Each structure stands twice: as structure tokens, then as C-alpha cells.
Amino acid sequence: MDVDWDRYHNNTLYKLRVSIHFLGRQSTVLKQRFFTAVKESLVRNSVFLLGVLLVLWFAAAGLPTYGLALVGVGAVVLAWTPFRLYVNQLTNTAAVPDDRKDPTPYQRRVSLVSRCVADAGIGFLLVSAGFAVRVVTSLG
């Protein structure tokens, strides 16, 4: 893959695509770990969002409340992302012994960063969609 460096430095989605490509060049296992972590993150966040939306549906909430719920779920997902990173840094700093033989620390780091990338993207989309719903419903 030839990298367009101007596009690489100015386009986040292109940078992500290039990074995934080169992660696969290092090891197909690492690329698979990335996709597995992203899939797990999508499933976990979807179940959380569905639970919140079901509660609102049973409560017969109005559309502005759904927008607020999207913002709230997005904020929780975004807050969880740095929390997970800090817990990982704490366990690395504390030198907690790892009694598992595999995966390697580098593989665990790839999974952790992959989950954080997915969670940050999902959180951003949920907060954006929630604000959009709130603005649209307040205009109408």
C-alpha cells in the first residue's frame, strides 16, 4: 500500500485505514484482534443503548428525551474509554503479575487501543446524534 502522506496527516479515517493495513502486515493475528475488539465494543455498546432505549420506550418518553438519552449514553461510553486506559496503566505500573501465558502484552495493548478507538467513535456518534435530535425537536 502506497501511503498518501498529505492525506494521512489530514484525514483521520484514512489514517485509521492505513494503520489497520500495517497492523495486518505485522501480524494477521494483530489485525484479527483489532476486528474482534471492535466487534465486542460494538456489541457491548449496542446492548447498553438498546437497554436505555427500551426503558424510555416503556416509559413512553418524548423524542427530546431520546436525544438526551443518546447524549447520556455517548458520554458514558466516552468516559469509560479513559477510565479503561488508566486502569491498564495502573496495572502496568503496579507490575501486577500476569498468570496467563498468552496473549502477549503487545497483543493486549492492541486489543485495548482497538476497544478505545471503537468506543471513542461510538461515543462521538451518539453524542452528535443526541444533540442533533435535541436541536431538531426544540425547533419544531
C-alpha atoms as a PDB file:
ATOM      1  CA  MET A   1       0.000   0.000   0.000  1.00  0.00           C
ATOM      2  CA  ASP A   2       1.400   3.352  -1.007  1.00  0.00           C
ATOM      3  CA  VAL A   3       0.637   5.952   1.638  1.00  0.00           C
ATOM      4  CA  ASP A   4      -0.501   9.415   0.555  1.00  0.00           C
ATOM      5  CA  TRP A   5       1.238  11.363   3.322  1.00  0.00           C
ATOM      6  CA  ASP A   6      -0.732  14.584   2.836  1.00  0.00           C
ATOM      7  CA  ARG A   7      -3.970  12.665   3.153  1.00  0.00           C
ATOM      8  CA  TYR A   8      -2.534  10.595   6.012  1.00  0.00           C
ATOM      9  CA  HIS A   9      -1.827  13.679   8.118  1.00  0.00           C
ATOM     10  CA  ASN A  10      -5.125  15.402   7.331  1.00  0.00           C
ATOM     11  CA  ASN A  11      -7.708  12.596   7.236  1.00  0.00           C
ATOM     12  CA  THR A  12      -8.431  10.590  10.379  1.00  0.00           C
ATOM     13  CA  LEU A  13     -10.368   7.804   8.644  1.00  0.00           C
ATOM     14  CA  TYR A  14      -7.572   7.360   6.088  1.00  0.00           C
ATOM     15  CA  LYS A  15      -5.036   7.231   8.921  1.00  0.00           C
ATOM     16  CA  LEU A  16      -7.122   4.531  10.614  1.00  0.00           C
ATOM     17  CA  ARG A  17      -7.331   2.513   7.378  1.00  0.00           C
ATOM     18  CA  VAL A  18      -3.560   2.751   6.845  1.00  0.00           C
ATOM     19  CA  SER A  19      -2.903   1.761  10.454  1.00  0.00           C
ATOM     20  CA  ILE A  20      -5.132  -1.304  10.161  1.00  0.00           C
ATOM     21  CA  HIS A  21      -3.383  -2.261   6.924  1.00  0.00           C
ATOM     22  CA  PHE A  22       0.073  -2.058   8.511  1.00  0.00           C
ATOM     23  CA  LEU A  23      -1.143  -3.828  11.642  1.00  0.00           C
ATOM     24  CA  GLY A  24      -2.084  -6.728   9.372  1.00  0.00           C
ATOM     25  CA  ARG A  25       1.349  -6.570   7.756  1.00  0.00           C
ATOM     26  CA  GLN A  26       2.952  -7.039  11.180  1.00  0.00           C
ATOM     27  CA  SER A  27       0.746  -9.983  12.013  1.00  0.00           C
ATOM     28  CA  THR A  28      -2.615 -11.266  10.849  1.00  0.00           C
ATOM     29  CA  VAL A  29      -3.337 -12.159  14.477  1.00  0.00           C
ATOM     30  CA  LEU A  30      -2.991  -8.499  15.483  1.00  0.00           C
ATOM     31  CA  LYS A  31      -5.331  -7.392  12.718  1.00  0.00           C
ATOM     32  CA  GLN A  32      -7.821 -10.054  13.803  1.00  0.00           C
ATOM     33  CA  ARG A  33      -7.509  -8.861  17.415  1.00  0.00           C
ATOM     34  CA  PHE A  34      -8.371  -5.354  16.218  1.00  0.00           C
ATOM     35  CA  PHE A  35     -11.539  -6.508  14.471  1.00  0.00           C
ATOM     36  CA  THR A  36     -12.531  -8.744  17.389  1.00  0.00           C
ATOM     37  CA  ALA A  37     -12.100  -5.899  19.878  1.00  0.00           C
ATOM     38  CA  VAL A  38     -14.101  -3.510  17.704  1.00  0.00           C
ATOM     39  CA  LYS A  39     -16.874  -6.100  17.292  1.00  0.00           C
ATOM     40  CA  GLU A  40     -17.019  -6.699  21.056  1.00  0.00           C
ATOM     41  CA  SER A  41     -17.170  -2.969  21.676  1.00  0.00           C
ATOM     42  CA  LEU A  42     -19.976  -2.516  19.161  1.00  0.00           C
ATOM     43  CA  VAL A  43     -21.997  -5.348  20.708  1.00  0.00           C
ATOM     44  CA  ARG A  44     -21.481  -4.121  24.281  1.00  0.00           C
ATOM     45  CA  ASN A  45     -22.410  -0.533  23.442  1.00  0.00           C
ATOM     46  CA  SER A  46     -25.383  -1.609  21.323  1.00  0.00           C
ATOM     47  CA  VAL A  47     -26.799  -3.694  24.168  1.00  0.00           C
ATOM     48  CA  PHE A  48     -26.312  -0.779  26.575  1.00  0.00           C
ATOM     49  CA  LEU A  49     -28.006   1.651  24.178  1.00  0.00           C
ATOM     50  CA  LEU A  50     -30.835  -0.784  23.467  1.00  0.00           C
ATOM     51  CA  GLY A  51     -31.451  -1.195  27.199  1.00  0.00           C
ATOM     52  CA  VAL A  52     -31.680   2.561  27.700  1.00  0.00           C
ATOM     53  CA  LEU A  53     -33.954   2.983  24.676  1.00  0.00           C
ATOM     54  CA  LEU A  54     -36.235   0.143  25.842  1.00  0.00           C
ATOM     55  CA  VAL A  55     -36.645   1.789  29.238  1.00  0.00           C
ATOM     56  CA  LEU A  56     -37.576   5.054  27.520  1.00  0.00           C
ATOM     57  CA  TRP A  57     -39.984   3.255  25.194  1.00  0.00           C
ATOM     58  CA  PHE A  58     -41.754   1.559  28.114  1.00  0.00           C
ATOM     59  CA  ALA A  59     -41.902   4.943  29.865  1.00  0.00           C
ATOM     60  CA  ALA A  60     -43.486   6.488  26.730  1.00  0.00           C
ATOM     61  CA  ALA A  61     -40.827   9.202  26.634  1.00  0.00           C
ATOM     62  CA  GLY A  62     -40.913  12.006  24.108  1.00  0.00           C
ATOM     63  CA  LEU A  63     -38.443  12.448  21.279  1.00  0.00           C
ATOM     64  CA  PRO A  64     -36.396  15.112  23.128  1.00  0.00           C
ATOM     65  CA  THR A  65     -35.798  12.579  25.901  1.00  0.00           C
ATOM     66  CA  TYR A  66     -34.436  10.106  23.361  1.00  0.00           C
ATOM     67  CA  GLY A  67     -31.974  12.771  22.203  1.00  0.00           C
ATOM     68  CA  LEU A  68     -30.902  13.370  25.775  1.00  0.00           C
ATOM     69  CA  ALA A  69     -30.531   9.615  26.283  1.00  0.00           C
ATOM     70  CA  LEU A  70     -28.259   9.370  23.225  1.00  0.00           C
ATOM     71  CA  VAL A  71     -26.101  12.152  24.631  1.00  0.00           C
ATOM     72  CA  GLY A  72     -26.019  10.443  28.021  1.00  0.00           C
ATOM     73  CA  VAL A  73     -25.073   7.033  26.643  1.00  0.00           C
ATOM     74  CA  GLY A  74     -22.438   8.629  24.412  1.00  0.00           C
ATOM     75  CA  ALA A  75     -20.997  10.498  27.391  1.00  0.00           C
ATOM     76  CA  VAL A  76     -20.847   7.303  29.452  1.00  0.00           C
ATOM     77  CA  VAL A  77     -19.067   5.470  26.630  1.00  0.00           C
ATOM     78  CA  LEU A  78     -16.614   8.354  26.217  1.00  0.00           C
ATOM     79  CA  ALA A  79     -15.970   8.473  29.966  1.00  0.00           C
ATOM     80  CA  TRP A  80     -15.379   4.707  30.064  1.00  0.00           C
ATOM     81  CA  THR A  81     -12.632   4.983  27.439  1.00  0.00           C
ATOM     82  CA  PRO A  82     -10.044   6.928  29.500  1.00  0.00           C
ATOM     83  CA  PHE A  83     -11.039   5.004  32.626  1.00  0.00           C
ATOM     84  CA  ARG A  84     -10.090   1.747  30.897  1.00  0.00           C
ATOM     85  CA  LEU A  85      -6.785   3.263  29.753  1.00  0.00           C
ATOM     86  CA  TYR A  86      -5.925   4.484  33.243  1.00  0.00           C
ATOM     87  CA  VAL A  87      -6.754   1.140  34.833  1.00  0.00           C
ATOM     88  CA  ASN A  88      -4.453  -0.522  32.291  1.00  0.00           C
ATOM     89  CA  GLN A  89      -1.686   1.984  33.069  1.00  0.00           C
ATOM     90  CA  LEU A  90      -2.142   1.354  36.788  1.00  0.00           C
ATOM     91  CA  THR A  91      -1.851  -2.408  36.391  1.00  0.00           C
ATOM     92  CA  ASN A  92       1.261  -1.964  34.230  1.00  0.00           C
ATOM     93  CA  THR A  93       2.795   0.450  36.736  1.00  0.00           C
ATOM     94  CA  ALA A  94       1.958  -1.777  39.691  1.00  0.00           C
ATOM     95  CA  ALA A  95       3.562  -4.718  37.863  1.00  0.00           C
ATOM     96  CA  VAL A  96       0.604  -6.956  38.552  1.00  0.00           C
ATOM     97  CA  PRO A  97       1.783 -10.466  37.704  1.00  0.00           C
ATOM     98  CA  ASP A  98       0.008 -11.942  34.742  1.00  0.00           C
ATOM     99  CA  ASP A  99      -0.513 -15.633  35.268  1.00  0.00           C
ATOM    100  CA  ARG A 100      -1.862 -16.162  31.745  1.00  0.00           C
ATOM    101  CA  LYS A 101       0.663 -17.464  29.254  1.00  0.00           C
ATOM    102  CA  ASP A 102      -0.865 -15.703  26.268  1.00  0.00           C
ATOM    103  CA  PRO A 103      -1.667 -13.235  24.799  1.00  0.00           C
ATOM    104  CA  THR A 104       1.468 -11.161  24.900  1.00  0.00           C
ATOM    105  CA  PRO A 105       1.454  -7.674  26.441  1.00  0.00           C
ATOM    106  CA  TYR A 106       1.667  -6.178  22.951  1.00  0.00           C
ATOM    107  CA  GLN A 107      -1.400  -8.132  21.819  1.00  0.00           C
ATOM    108  CA  ARG A 108      -3.326  -6.990  24.908  1.00  0.00           C
ATOM    109  CA  ARG A 109      -2.315  -3.386  24.156  1.00  0.00           C
ATOM    110  CA  VAL A 110      -3.571  -3.728  20.562  1.00  0.00           C
ATOM    111  CA  SER A 111      -6.905  -5.015  21.864  1.00  0.00           C
ATOM    112  CA  LEU A 112      -7.150  -2.254  24.463  1.00  0.00           C
ATOM    113  CA  VAL A 113      -6.374   0.509  21.988  1.00  0.00           C
ATOM    114  CA  SER A 114      -8.777  -1.032  19.473  1.00  0.00           C
ATOM    115  CA  ARG A 115     -11.593  -1.036  22.009  1.00  0.00           C
ATOM    116  CA  CYS A 116     -10.815   2.555  22.925  1.00  0.00           C
ATOM    117  CA  VAL A 117     -10.856   3.628  19.275  1.00  0.00           C
ATOM    118  CA  ALA A 118     -14.210   1.925  18.771  1.00  0.00           C
ATOM    119  CA  ASP A 119     -15.663   3.344  21.999  1.00  0.00           C
ATOM    120  CA  ALA A 120     -14.468   6.853  21.199  1.00  0.00           C
ATOM    121  CA  GLY A 121     -16.037   6.672  17.748  1.00  0.00           C
ATOM    122  CA  ILE A 122     -19.308   5.281  19.080  1.00  0.00           C
ATOM    123  CA  GLY A 123     -19.423   7.856  21.866  1.00  0.00           C
ATOM    124  CA  PHE A 124     -18.793  10.680  19.421  1.00  0.00           C
ATOM    125  CA  LEU A 125     -21.557   9.460  17.106  1.00  0.00           C
ATOM    126  CA  LEU A 126     -24.050   9.033  19.954  1.00  0.00           C
ATOM    127  CA  VAL A 127     -23.373  12.466  21.438  1.00  0.00           C
ATOM    128  CA  SER A 128     -23.594  14.058  17.979  1.00  0.00           C
ATOM    129  CA  ALA A 129     -26.844  12.248  17.152  1.00  0.00           C
ATOM    130  CA  GLY A 130     -28.307  13.097  20.553  1.00  0.00           C
ATOM    131  CA  PHE A 131     -27.536  16.784  20.181  1.00  0.00           C
ATOM    132  CA  ALA A 132     -28.965  16.723  16.656  1.00  0.00           C
ATOM    133  CA  VAL A 133     -32.214  15.144  17.913  1.00  0.00           C
ATOM    134  CA  ARG A 134     -32.438  17.691  20.733  1.00  0.00           C
ATOM    135  CA  VAL A 135     -31.894  20.615  18.359  1.00  0.00           C
ATOM    136  CA  VAL A 136     -34.384  19.322  15.784  1.00  0.00           C
ATOM    137  CA  THR A 137     -37.070  18.693  18.409  1.00  0.00           C
ATOM    138  CA  SER A 138     -36.552  22.098  20.025  1.00  0.00           C
ATOM    139  CA  LEU A 139     -37.040  23.819  16.652  1.00  0.00           C
ATOM    140  CA  GLY A 140     -40.286  22.013  15.876  1.00  0.00           C
END
